[in-house]
N, C-alpha and C. Protein backbone atom coordinates (compact mmCIF):
# COMPACT_ATOMS: atom_id res chain seq x y z
N MET A 1 15.87 -16.38 0.93
CA MET A 1 16.43 -15.26 1.19
C MET A 1 16.34 -14.40 -0.26
N ARG A 2 16.05 -13.13 -0.15
CA ARG A 2 15.96 -12.34 -1.22
C ARG A 2 17.11 -11.39 -1.30
N LEU A 3 18.07 -11.62 -2.21
CA LEU A 3 19.28 -10.98 -2.27
C LEU A 3 19.71 -10.08 -3.39
N PHE A 4 20.56 -9.20 -3.14
CA PHE A 4 20.99 -8.23 -4.19
C PHE A 4 22.28 -7.78 -3.76
N VAL A 5 23.26 -7.23 -4.96
CA VAL A 5 24.70 -6.65 -4.58
C VAL A 5 24.40 -5.33 -5.04
N ALA A 6 24.74 -4.31 -4.15
CA ALA A 6 24.80 -2.91 -4.39
C ALA A 6 25.84 -1.96 -3.88
N LEU A 7 25.89 -0.77 -4.45
CA LEU A 7 26.70 0.21 -3.81
C LEU A 7 25.55 1.02 -2.93
N ASP A 8 26.33 1.57 -1.63
CA ASP A 8 25.64 2.37 -0.93
C ASP A 8 25.87 3.80 -1.44
N LEU A 9 25.05 4.81 -0.91
CA LEU A 9 25.03 6.31 -1.12
C LEU A 9 25.68 6.94 0.15
N PRO A 10 26.45 7.99 -0.11
CA PRO A 10 26.97 9.03 1.02
C PRO A 10 25.58 9.64 1.51
N ALA A 11 25.75 9.70 2.87
CA ALA A 11 24.48 10.53 3.46
C ALA A 11 24.07 11.80 2.80
N GLU A 12 25.11 12.56 2.45
CA GLU A 12 24.91 13.82 1.79
C GLU A 12 24.11 13.77 0.46
N VAL A 13 24.24 12.89 -0.33
CA VAL A 13 23.72 12.45 -1.49
C VAL A 13 22.31 12.28 -1.21
N ARG A 14 22.14 11.27 -0.35
CA ARG A 14 20.90 10.88 0.19
C ARG A 14 19.93 11.79 0.61
N ASP A 15 20.54 12.75 1.51
CA ASP A 15 19.85 13.96 1.87
C ASP A 15 19.51 15.04 0.54
N ALA A 16 20.31 15.04 -0.21
CA ALA A 16 19.86 15.81 -1.31
C ALA A 16 18.79 15.51 -1.99
N ILE A 17 18.82 14.16 -2.39
CA ILE A 17 17.70 13.39 -3.18
C ILE A 17 16.37 13.50 -2.52
N VAL A 18 16.39 13.39 -1.07
CA VAL A 18 15.20 13.34 -0.18
C VAL A 18 14.62 14.77 -0.06
N ASN A 19 15.58 15.69 0.21
CA ASN A 19 15.16 17.23 0.16
C ASN A 19 14.58 17.61 -1.03
N THR A 20 15.33 17.48 -2.15
CA THR A 20 15.01 18.07 -3.37
C THR A 20 13.48 17.44 -3.94
N THR A 21 13.50 16.10 -3.52
CA THR A 21 12.26 15.42 -4.32
C THR A 21 10.97 15.48 -3.18
N ALA A 22 11.18 16.00 -2.13
CA ALA A 22 10.16 16.02 -0.96
C ALA A 22 9.00 16.71 -1.61
N SER A 23 8.94 17.74 -2.35
CA SER A 23 7.52 18.23 -2.83
C SER A 23 6.93 17.48 -3.86
N LEU A 24 7.55 16.45 -4.38
CA LEU A 24 7.00 15.62 -5.26
C LEU A 24 6.14 14.59 -4.60
N ARG A 25 6.16 14.28 -3.42
CA ARG A 25 5.56 13.17 -2.64
C ARG A 25 4.04 13.37 -2.56
N SER A 26 3.62 14.57 -2.60
CA SER A 26 2.22 14.94 -2.54
C SER A 26 1.60 15.03 -4.12
N GLU A 27 2.22 14.62 -4.89
CA GLU A 27 1.87 14.77 -6.37
C GLU A 27 1.13 13.47 -6.80
N SER A 28 1.42 12.34 -6.04
CA SER A 28 0.73 11.11 -6.39
C SER A 28 0.41 10.03 -5.42
N SER A 29 -0.81 9.95 -5.17
CA SER A 29 -1.09 9.09 -4.01
C SER A 29 -0.86 7.57 -4.47
N GLY A 30 -0.61 7.34 -5.70
CA GLY A 30 -0.24 5.92 -6.09
C GLY A 30 1.23 5.55 -6.11
N ALA A 31 2.02 6.34 -5.32
CA ALA A 31 3.38 6.19 -5.44
C ALA A 31 3.89 5.63 -4.03
N ARG A 32 4.74 4.70 -4.08
CA ARG A 32 5.39 4.19 -2.96
C ARG A 32 6.82 4.68 -2.89
N TRP A 33 7.07 5.67 -2.04
CA TRP A 33 8.49 6.30 -2.04
C TRP A 33 9.39 5.34 -1.18
N SER A 34 10.61 5.17 -1.83
CA SER A 34 11.85 4.72 -1.07
C SER A 34 12.18 5.29 0.14
N LYS A 35 12.62 4.58 1.04
CA LYS A 35 12.88 5.13 2.38
C LYS A 35 14.42 5.53 2.05
N PRO A 36 14.90 6.73 2.56
CA PRO A 36 16.12 7.27 2.31
C PRO A 36 17.25 6.12 2.68
N GLU A 37 17.00 5.50 3.76
CA GLU A 37 18.16 4.58 4.20
C GLU A 37 18.41 3.38 3.08
N ALA A 38 17.27 3.19 2.39
CA ALA A 38 17.07 2.02 1.35
C ALA A 38 17.73 2.40 0.11
N MET A 39 18.04 3.79 -0.26
CA MET A 39 18.51 4.13 -1.54
C MET A 39 19.93 3.56 -1.80
N HIS A 40 20.09 2.88 -3.04
CA HIS A 40 21.32 2.30 -3.48
C HIS A 40 21.35 2.19 -4.75
N VAL A 41 22.70 1.71 -5.26
CA VAL A 41 22.76 1.48 -6.83
C VAL A 41 22.86 0.00 -6.74
N THR A 42 21.91 -0.65 -7.52
CA THR A 42 21.99 -2.08 -7.70
C THR A 42 22.97 -2.53 -8.65
N LEU A 43 23.93 -3.45 -8.43
CA LEU A 43 24.94 -3.90 -9.29
C LEU A 43 24.42 -5.30 -9.65
N LYS A 44 23.77 -6.09 -9.12
CA LYS A 44 23.22 -7.38 -9.60
C LYS A 44 22.02 -7.88 -8.57
N PHE A 45 20.83 -7.97 -9.09
CA PHE A 45 19.90 -8.50 -8.27
C PHE A 45 19.73 -10.17 -8.51
N LEU A 46 19.83 -10.69 -7.36
CA LEU A 46 19.87 -12.04 -7.30
C LEU A 46 18.51 -12.83 -7.01
N GLY A 47 17.71 -12.19 -6.41
CA GLY A 47 16.30 -12.66 -6.12
C GLY A 47 16.22 -13.59 -5.11
N GLU A 48 15.22 -14.36 -5.09
CA GLU A 48 14.99 -15.64 -4.01
C GLU A 48 16.23 -16.58 -4.06
N THR A 49 16.98 -16.60 -2.91
CA THR A 49 18.18 -17.41 -3.04
C THR A 49 18.27 -18.28 -1.87
N ASP A 50 18.70 -19.67 -2.06
CA ASP A 50 18.77 -20.62 -1.12
C ASP A 50 19.95 -20.12 -0.12
N ALA A 51 19.53 -20.00 1.20
CA ALA A 51 20.49 -19.61 2.21
C ALA A 51 21.84 -20.46 2.35
N ASN A 52 21.80 -21.75 1.72
CA ASN A 52 23.11 -22.47 1.77
C ASN A 52 24.13 -22.06 0.73
N LEU A 53 23.55 -21.19 -0.21
CA LEU A 53 24.50 -20.57 -1.11
C LEU A 53 25.31 -19.55 -0.74
N LEU A 54 24.87 -19.00 0.57
CA LEU A 54 25.54 -17.69 1.07
C LEU A 54 27.12 -17.95 0.97
N PRO A 55 27.55 -18.82 1.53
CA PRO A 55 29.17 -19.00 1.87
C PRO A 55 29.59 -18.90 0.26
N GLU A 56 29.20 -19.50 -0.67
CA GLU A 56 29.69 -19.77 -2.16
C GLU A 56 29.40 -18.19 -2.80
N ILE A 57 28.35 -17.49 -2.32
CA ILE A 57 28.32 -16.26 -2.94
C ILE A 57 29.16 -15.27 -2.46
N LYS A 58 29.55 -15.21 -1.14
CA LYS A 58 30.54 -14.37 -0.64
C LYS A 58 31.85 -14.73 -0.89
N ALA A 59 32.12 -16.05 -1.18
CA ALA A 59 33.47 -16.32 -1.82
C ALA A 59 33.62 -15.76 -3.22
N ALA A 60 32.76 -15.74 -3.90
CA ALA A 60 32.57 -15.45 -5.29
C ALA A 60 32.85 -13.88 -5.43
N LEU A 61 32.35 -13.22 -4.50
CA LEU A 61 32.12 -11.68 -4.48
C LEU A 61 33.43 -11.17 -3.84
N GLU A 62 34.16 -11.99 -2.98
CA GLU A 62 35.37 -11.50 -2.53
C GLU A 62 36.54 -11.46 -3.48
N GLN A 63 36.38 -12.23 -4.78
CA GLN A 63 37.48 -12.14 -5.69
C GLN A 63 37.21 -10.95 -6.66
N ILE A 64 36.47 -10.18 -6.63
CA ILE A 64 36.11 -8.96 -7.32
C ILE A 64 37.13 -8.11 -6.93
N VAL A 65 38.03 -7.42 -8.07
CA VAL A 65 38.97 -6.58 -7.84
C VAL A 65 39.04 -5.58 -9.16
N SER A 66 39.27 -4.24 -8.53
CA SER A 66 39.23 -3.14 -9.57
C SER A 66 40.47 -2.32 -9.16
N ALA A 67 41.15 -1.71 -10.24
CA ALA A 67 42.25 -0.73 -9.96
C ALA A 67 41.70 0.45 -9.36
N ASP A 68 40.72 1.08 -9.59
CA ASP A 68 40.20 2.21 -8.99
C ASP A 68 38.72 2.22 -8.46
N PRO A 69 38.39 3.17 -7.53
CA PRO A 69 37.24 3.15 -6.78
C PRO A 69 36.19 3.67 -8.03
N VAL A 70 34.87 3.46 -7.80
CA VAL A 70 33.88 3.91 -8.91
C VAL A 70 33.52 5.27 -8.43
N SER A 71 33.55 5.97 -9.32
CA SER A 71 33.01 7.42 -9.15
C SER A 71 31.81 7.67 -10.09
N PHE A 72 30.87 8.45 -9.34
CA PHE A 72 29.53 8.58 -10.13
C PHE A 72 28.91 9.86 -9.66
N ARG A 73 27.96 10.44 -10.46
CA ARG A 73 27.17 11.57 -10.09
C ARG A 73 25.70 10.93 -10.15
N LEU A 74 24.92 11.69 -9.13
CA LEU A 74 23.62 11.37 -9.20
C LEU A 74 22.77 12.50 -9.81
N ARG A 75 22.25 12.32 -11.11
CA ARG A 75 21.82 13.49 -11.87
C ARG A 75 20.23 13.06 -12.49
N GLY A 76 19.38 14.00 -12.17
CA GLY A 76 18.17 13.89 -12.83
C GLY A 76 17.23 12.81 -12.53
N VAL A 77 15.97 13.11 -12.74
CA VAL A 77 14.93 12.13 -12.41
C VAL A 77 14.34 11.49 -13.74
N GLY A 78 13.72 10.46 -13.69
CA GLY A 78 13.05 9.97 -14.93
C GLY A 78 12.31 8.82 -14.50
N PHE A 79 11.51 8.03 -15.46
CA PHE A 79 10.67 6.97 -15.32
C PHE A 79 10.94 5.83 -16.11
N PHE A 80 10.82 4.53 -15.57
CA PHE A 80 10.66 3.41 -16.31
C PHE A 80 9.40 3.04 -16.40
N PRO A 81 8.90 2.33 -17.55
CA PRO A 81 9.54 2.30 -18.80
C PRO A 81 9.72 3.51 -19.60
N ASP A 82 8.64 4.53 -19.30
CA ASP A 82 8.75 5.72 -19.80
C ASP A 82 7.69 6.72 -19.14
N GLU A 83 7.66 7.97 -19.56
CA GLU A 83 6.77 8.91 -18.91
C GLU A 83 5.38 8.72 -19.18
N ARG A 84 5.03 7.83 -20.32
CA ARG A 84 3.57 7.44 -20.53
C ARG A 84 2.91 6.46 -19.68
N ARG A 85 3.82 5.63 -19.42
CA ARG A 85 3.43 4.30 -18.50
C ARG A 85 4.18 4.04 -17.43
N PRO A 86 4.45 4.94 -16.70
CA PRO A 86 5.63 5.05 -15.57
C PRO A 86 5.19 3.92 -14.46
N ARG A 87 6.30 3.13 -14.19
CA ARG A 87 6.06 2.23 -13.14
C ARG A 87 7.06 2.48 -11.89
N VAL A 88 8.21 3.02 -12.36
CA VAL A 88 9.22 3.36 -11.21
C VAL A 88 9.76 4.71 -11.74
N MET A 89 10.06 5.73 -10.72
CA MET A 89 10.61 6.88 -10.78
C MET A 89 12.13 6.87 -10.22
N TRP A 90 13.03 7.06 -11.05
CA TRP A 90 14.44 7.02 -10.65
C TRP A 90 15.23 8.14 -10.56
N CYS A 91 16.41 8.25 -10.07
CA CYS A 91 17.34 9.23 -10.13
C CYS A 91 18.39 8.54 -11.09
N GLY A 92 18.85 9.37 -11.96
CA GLY A 92 20.01 8.78 -12.95
C GLY A 92 21.47 8.76 -12.18
N VAL A 93 22.19 7.97 -12.75
CA VAL A 93 23.59 7.72 -12.15
C VAL A 93 24.60 7.86 -13.47
N ASP A 94 25.14 8.88 -13.57
CA ASP A 94 26.32 9.23 -14.59
C ASP A 94 27.58 8.64 -13.98
N ALA A 95 28.23 7.62 -14.65
CA ALA A 95 29.43 6.93 -14.00
C ALA A 95 30.54 6.86 -14.97
N TRP A 96 31.67 6.66 -14.17
CA TRP A 96 32.73 6.09 -15.14
C TRP A 96 32.75 4.86 -15.54
N PRO A 97 33.34 4.49 -16.79
CA PRO A 97 33.00 3.07 -17.34
C PRO A 97 33.21 1.93 -16.31
N ASN A 98 34.05 2.03 -15.39
CA ASN A 98 34.32 1.12 -14.15
C ASN A 98 33.07 0.61 -13.56
N LEU A 99 32.10 1.42 -13.53
CA LEU A 99 30.85 0.92 -12.70
C LEU A 99 30.20 -0.20 -13.55
N ALA A 100 30.07 -0.04 -14.90
CA ALA A 100 29.37 -1.20 -15.60
C ALA A 100 30.48 -2.36 -15.67
N GLU A 101 31.55 -2.25 -15.66
CA GLU A 101 32.74 -3.22 -15.58
C GLU A 101 32.67 -3.92 -14.20
N LEU A 102 32.30 -3.16 -13.00
CA LEU A 102 32.33 -3.86 -11.83
C LEU A 102 30.99 -4.82 -11.83
N ALA A 103 29.87 -4.11 -12.44
CA ALA A 103 28.60 -4.82 -12.47
C ALA A 103 28.72 -6.13 -13.24
N ALA A 104 29.44 -6.17 -14.45
CA ALA A 104 29.62 -7.19 -15.22
C ALA A 104 30.63 -8.27 -14.52
N GLN A 105 31.63 -7.78 -13.75
CA GLN A 105 32.49 -8.73 -13.07
C GLN A 105 31.60 -9.52 -12.13
N ILE A 106 30.68 -8.77 -11.32
CA ILE A 106 29.98 -9.48 -10.39
C ILE A 106 28.86 -10.48 -11.12
N GLU A 107 28.47 -10.09 -12.02
CA GLU A 107 27.33 -10.79 -12.85
C GLU A 107 28.16 -12.34 -13.12
N LYS A 108 29.47 -12.22 -13.86
CA LYS A 108 30.14 -13.21 -14.27
C LYS A 108 30.66 -14.18 -13.18
N SER A 109 30.93 -13.54 -12.07
CA SER A 109 31.55 -14.28 -10.80
C SER A 109 30.32 -15.09 -10.38
N LEU A 110 29.07 -14.86 -10.43
CA LEU A 110 27.92 -15.38 -9.93
C LEU A 110 27.38 -16.45 -10.81
N GLN A 111 27.58 -16.49 -12.21
CA GLN A 111 26.99 -17.28 -13.00
C GLN A 111 27.20 -18.84 -12.84
N PRO A 112 28.53 -19.18 -12.44
CA PRO A 112 28.79 -20.65 -11.96
C PRO A 112 27.92 -21.14 -10.68
N LEU A 113 27.23 -20.17 -10.09
CA LEU A 113 26.50 -20.54 -9.18
C LEU A 113 24.90 -20.64 -9.49
N GLY A 114 24.75 -20.45 -10.65
CA GLY A 114 23.46 -20.69 -11.25
C GLY A 114 22.63 -19.28 -11.20
N PHE A 115 23.27 -18.21 -11.27
CA PHE A 115 22.54 -16.93 -11.35
C PHE A 115 22.67 -16.40 -12.77
N GLU A 116 21.68 -16.34 -13.50
CA GLU A 116 21.45 -16.10 -14.88
C GLU A 116 21.99 -14.61 -15.19
N ALA A 117 22.66 -14.51 -16.38
CA ALA A 117 23.02 -13.13 -16.68
C ALA A 117 21.60 -12.38 -16.98
N GLU A 118 21.91 -11.11 -16.89
CA GLU A 118 20.86 -10.19 -17.01
C GLU A 118 20.69 -10.02 -18.64
N ALA A 119 19.44 -10.09 -19.20
CA ALA A 119 19.38 -9.87 -20.73
C ALA A 119 19.38 -8.39 -21.21
N ARG A 120 19.00 -7.32 -20.16
CA ARG A 120 18.91 -6.16 -20.47
C ARG A 120 20.29 -5.52 -20.16
N ARG A 121 20.56 -4.31 -20.89
CA ARG A 121 21.75 -3.55 -20.62
C ARG A 121 21.67 -3.14 -19.36
N TYR A 122 22.85 -3.00 -18.76
CA TYR A 122 22.94 -2.41 -17.21
C TYR A 122 22.78 -0.87 -17.30
N VAL A 123 21.71 -0.33 -16.69
CA VAL A 123 21.32 1.09 -16.56
C VAL A 123 21.42 1.36 -15.04
N PRO A 124 22.34 1.85 -14.42
CA PRO A 124 22.54 2.19 -13.22
C PRO A 124 21.62 3.41 -12.81
N HIS A 125 20.87 3.18 -11.64
CA HIS A 125 19.76 4.25 -11.20
C HIS A 125 19.64 4.08 -9.65
N VAL A 126 18.93 4.98 -9.02
CA VAL A 126 18.56 4.97 -7.77
C VAL A 126 16.87 4.84 -7.62
N THR A 127 16.26 3.94 -7.28
CA THR A 127 14.80 4.01 -7.37
C THR A 127 14.28 4.85 -6.37
N LEU A 128 13.58 5.92 -6.76
CA LEU A 128 12.97 6.79 -5.82
C LEU A 128 11.53 6.37 -5.44
N ALA A 129 10.83 5.83 -6.17
CA ALA A 129 9.40 5.45 -5.98
C ALA A 129 8.93 4.45 -7.00
N ARG A 130 7.93 3.69 -6.51
CA ARG A 130 7.22 2.63 -7.29
C ARG A 130 5.95 3.09 -7.37
N LEU A 131 5.46 3.09 -8.73
CA LEU A 131 4.23 3.64 -9.07
C LEU A 131 3.19 2.78 -9.39
N ASN A 132 2.34 2.18 -8.48
CA ASN A 132 1.33 0.98 -8.41
C ASN A 132 0.10 1.41 -9.07
N SER A 133 -0.25 2.60 -9.40
CA SER A 133 -1.53 3.11 -9.63
C SER A 133 -1.47 4.27 -10.67
N ALA A 134 -2.40 4.41 -11.51
CA ALA A 134 -2.49 5.46 -12.40
C ALA A 134 -2.99 6.75 -11.73
N ARG A 135 -3.33 6.65 -10.39
CA ARG A 135 -3.96 7.93 -9.75
C ARG A 135 -2.76 8.99 -9.80
N ALA A 136 -3.11 10.06 -10.40
CA ALA A 136 -2.37 11.41 -10.53
C ALA A 136 -0.78 11.33 -11.08
N ILE A 137 -0.53 10.15 -11.83
CA ILE A 137 0.63 10.05 -12.37
C ILE A 137 1.02 11.15 -13.22
N GLU A 138 0.16 11.75 -14.02
CA GLU A 138 0.50 12.82 -15.07
C GLU A 138 1.03 14.02 -14.12
N LYS A 139 0.40 14.16 -13.26
CA LYS A 139 0.71 15.32 -12.21
C LYS A 139 2.09 15.09 -11.61
N LEU A 140 2.36 13.93 -11.35
CA LEU A 140 3.79 13.50 -10.74
C LEU A 140 4.94 13.74 -11.93
N VAL A 141 4.39 13.28 -13.00
CA VAL A 141 5.54 13.41 -14.34
C VAL A 141 5.68 14.81 -14.39
N ARG A 142 4.70 15.76 -14.62
CA ARG A 142 4.82 17.08 -14.79
C ARG A 142 5.61 17.82 -13.74
N ALA A 143 5.41 17.58 -12.56
CA ALA A 143 6.09 18.14 -11.38
C ALA A 143 7.47 17.73 -11.36
N ALA A 144 7.90 16.53 -11.80
CA ALA A 144 9.22 16.09 -11.80
C ALA A 144 10.02 16.66 -13.05
N GLY A 145 9.51 17.23 -13.98
CA GLY A 145 10.04 17.93 -15.15
C GLY A 145 11.33 18.70 -15.06
N PRO A 146 11.17 19.61 -13.98
CA PRO A 146 12.26 20.65 -13.68
C PRO A 146 13.57 19.81 -13.24
N LEU A 147 13.41 18.66 -12.73
CA LEU A 147 14.31 17.67 -12.09
C LEU A 147 15.05 16.98 -13.08
N THR A 148 14.70 17.08 -14.49
CA THR A 148 15.25 16.04 -15.41
C THR A 148 16.94 16.08 -15.36
N SER A 149 17.62 17.04 -15.02
CA SER A 149 18.95 17.06 -15.21
C SER A 149 19.55 17.78 -13.78
N TYR A 150 18.79 17.79 -12.74
CA TYR A 150 19.29 18.31 -11.42
C TYR A 150 20.48 17.41 -10.94
N ASP A 151 21.47 18.01 -10.42
CA ASP A 151 22.60 17.31 -9.85
C ASP A 151 22.45 17.26 -8.35
N PHE A 152 22.34 15.97 -8.01
CA PHE A 152 22.20 15.81 -6.59
C PHE A 152 23.48 15.35 -5.71
N GLY A 153 24.55 15.40 -6.56
CA GLY A 153 25.78 15.08 -5.77
C GLY A 153 26.55 13.95 -6.46
N ALA A 154 28.07 13.87 -5.75
CA ALA A 154 28.71 12.73 -6.35
C ALA A 154 29.03 11.86 -5.01
N ALA A 155 29.58 10.58 -5.71
CA ALA A 155 30.10 9.48 -4.84
C ALA A 155 31.13 8.94 -5.53
N ARG A 156 32.11 8.40 -4.51
CA ARG A 156 33.32 7.70 -4.96
C ARG A 156 33.35 6.52 -3.92
N GLU A 157 32.87 5.26 -4.53
CA GLU A 157 32.93 4.08 -3.56
C GLU A 157 33.98 3.01 -3.83
N SER A 158 34.63 2.44 -2.89
CA SER A 158 35.55 1.39 -3.06
C SER A 158 35.30 0.17 -2.52
N GLN A 159 33.83 0.05 -2.09
CA GLN A 159 33.41 -1.32 -1.57
C GLN A 159 31.92 -1.33 -1.97
N PHE A 160 31.28 -2.62 -2.05
CA PHE A 160 29.99 -2.78 -2.40
C PHE A 160 29.56 -3.88 -1.34
N TYR A 161 28.27 -4.22 -1.39
CA TYR A 161 27.54 -4.96 -0.49
C TYR A 161 26.62 -5.92 -0.79
N LEU A 162 26.52 -7.14 -0.17
CA LEU A 162 25.55 -7.87 -0.30
C LEU A 162 24.42 -7.69 0.58
N PHE A 163 23.18 -7.51 0.15
CA PHE A 163 22.02 -7.09 0.87
C PHE A 163 20.91 -8.17 0.86
N GLU A 164 20.30 -8.36 1.99
CA GLU A 164 19.03 -9.11 1.89
C GLU A 164 17.92 -8.13 2.08
N SER A 165 16.99 -8.40 1.31
CA SER A 165 15.57 -7.54 1.08
C SER A 165 14.54 -8.50 1.99
N VAL A 166 14.13 -7.93 2.89
CA VAL A 166 13.13 -8.53 4.02
C VAL A 166 11.77 -7.76 3.65
N LEU A 167 11.11 -8.38 3.19
CA LEU A 167 9.58 -7.93 2.86
C LEU A 167 8.73 -7.95 4.06
N LYS A 168 8.28 -6.55 4.36
CA LYS A 168 7.36 -6.37 5.44
C LYS A 168 6.25 -5.53 5.21
N PRO A 169 5.10 -5.52 6.04
CA PRO A 169 3.86 -4.88 5.72
C PRO A 169 4.10 -3.43 5.22
N SER A 170 5.27 -2.74 6.04
CA SER A 170 5.45 -1.55 5.94
C SER A 170 6.55 -1.22 4.59
N GLY A 171 6.88 -2.14 3.93
CA GLY A 171 7.56 -2.27 2.85
C GLY A 171 8.96 -3.09 3.09
N SER A 172 9.67 -2.97 1.91
CA SER A 172 10.87 -3.85 2.04
C SER A 172 12.04 -3.07 3.03
N GLU A 173 12.95 -4.04 3.70
CA GLU A 173 13.74 -3.46 4.58
C GLU A 173 15.20 -4.08 3.97
N TYR A 174 16.17 -3.25 4.06
CA TYR A 174 17.54 -4.13 3.56
C TYR A 174 18.53 -4.27 4.59
N GLN A 175 18.97 -5.36 4.66
CA GLN A 175 20.07 -5.41 5.80
C GLN A 175 21.27 -5.83 4.98
N LYS A 176 22.36 -5.18 5.37
CA LYS A 176 23.89 -5.68 4.85
C LYS A 176 24.08 -6.79 5.54
N LEU A 177 24.42 -8.03 4.64
CA LEU A 177 24.89 -9.31 4.92
C LEU A 177 26.48 -9.33 5.10
N ALA A 178 27.19 -8.45 4.09
CA ALA A 178 28.50 -8.60 4.00
C ALA A 178 29.11 -7.32 3.12
N THR A 179 30.27 -7.04 3.38
CA THR A 179 30.91 -5.84 2.64
C THR A 179 32.04 -6.36 1.80
N PHE A 180 32.20 -5.88 0.77
CA PHE A 180 33.34 -6.33 -0.29
C PHE A 180 34.01 -5.10 -0.69
N PRO A 181 35.41 -4.91 0.02
CA PRO A 181 36.24 -3.79 -0.67
C PRO A 181 36.81 -4.38 -1.94
N PHE A 182 36.63 -3.49 -3.12
CA PHE A 182 37.01 -4.17 -4.39
C PHE A 182 38.23 -3.53 -5.00
N VAL A 183 38.85 -2.43 -4.32
CA VAL A 183 39.99 -1.67 -4.92
C VAL A 183 41.15 -2.26 -4.20
N LYS A 184 42.26 -2.67 -4.78
CA LYS A 184 43.48 -3.41 -4.32
C LYS A 184 43.84 -2.80 -3.04
N ASP A 185 43.90 -1.30 -3.00
CA ASP A 185 44.56 -0.68 -1.94
C ASP A 185 43.56 -0.68 -0.77
N ALA A 186 42.34 -1.01 -1.00
CA ALA A 186 41.32 -0.84 0.21
C ALA A 186 41.10 -2.11 0.95
N ARG A 187 42.07 -3.04 0.35
CA ARG A 187 41.72 -4.57 1.04
C ARG A 187 42.63 -4.52 2.27
């Protein structure tokens, strides 16, 4: 099983992202665009995981508690690793510090199960497209320029999810395996 832990996005934020970036889809034939229903903010990528670990993963994630929901704004588009060699087009996430704290708690809770800590600093984002080809990338980067600080809307979340990523010829499909309310009053 290919697993990850993530926050979902409200429908109105998804719609704003999709509608505002729709014109960019024709700018690069080398882009694989994320399906709207698949847009999320990853908290921890687990990767290929033995299904027998699922009960222990769920038990560890059930222990995550925060005093407050996570509030964040989705703002701007950019590219990883950068605009000169883009591999991923993303939407930025401006969040209260408790988003990074939530991701750190999840990371720490899963380490005893053999999931290694991420070496890179946590950078919350929503993947908009994967860029597998150099075809017309410069055109896409130029067209995305006016959206570098665009405000797509806000979200306030009090639960996160364990997802399975199922690889299909049409692209990855994500299935929610479990829901985890993490705010004391939400339990």
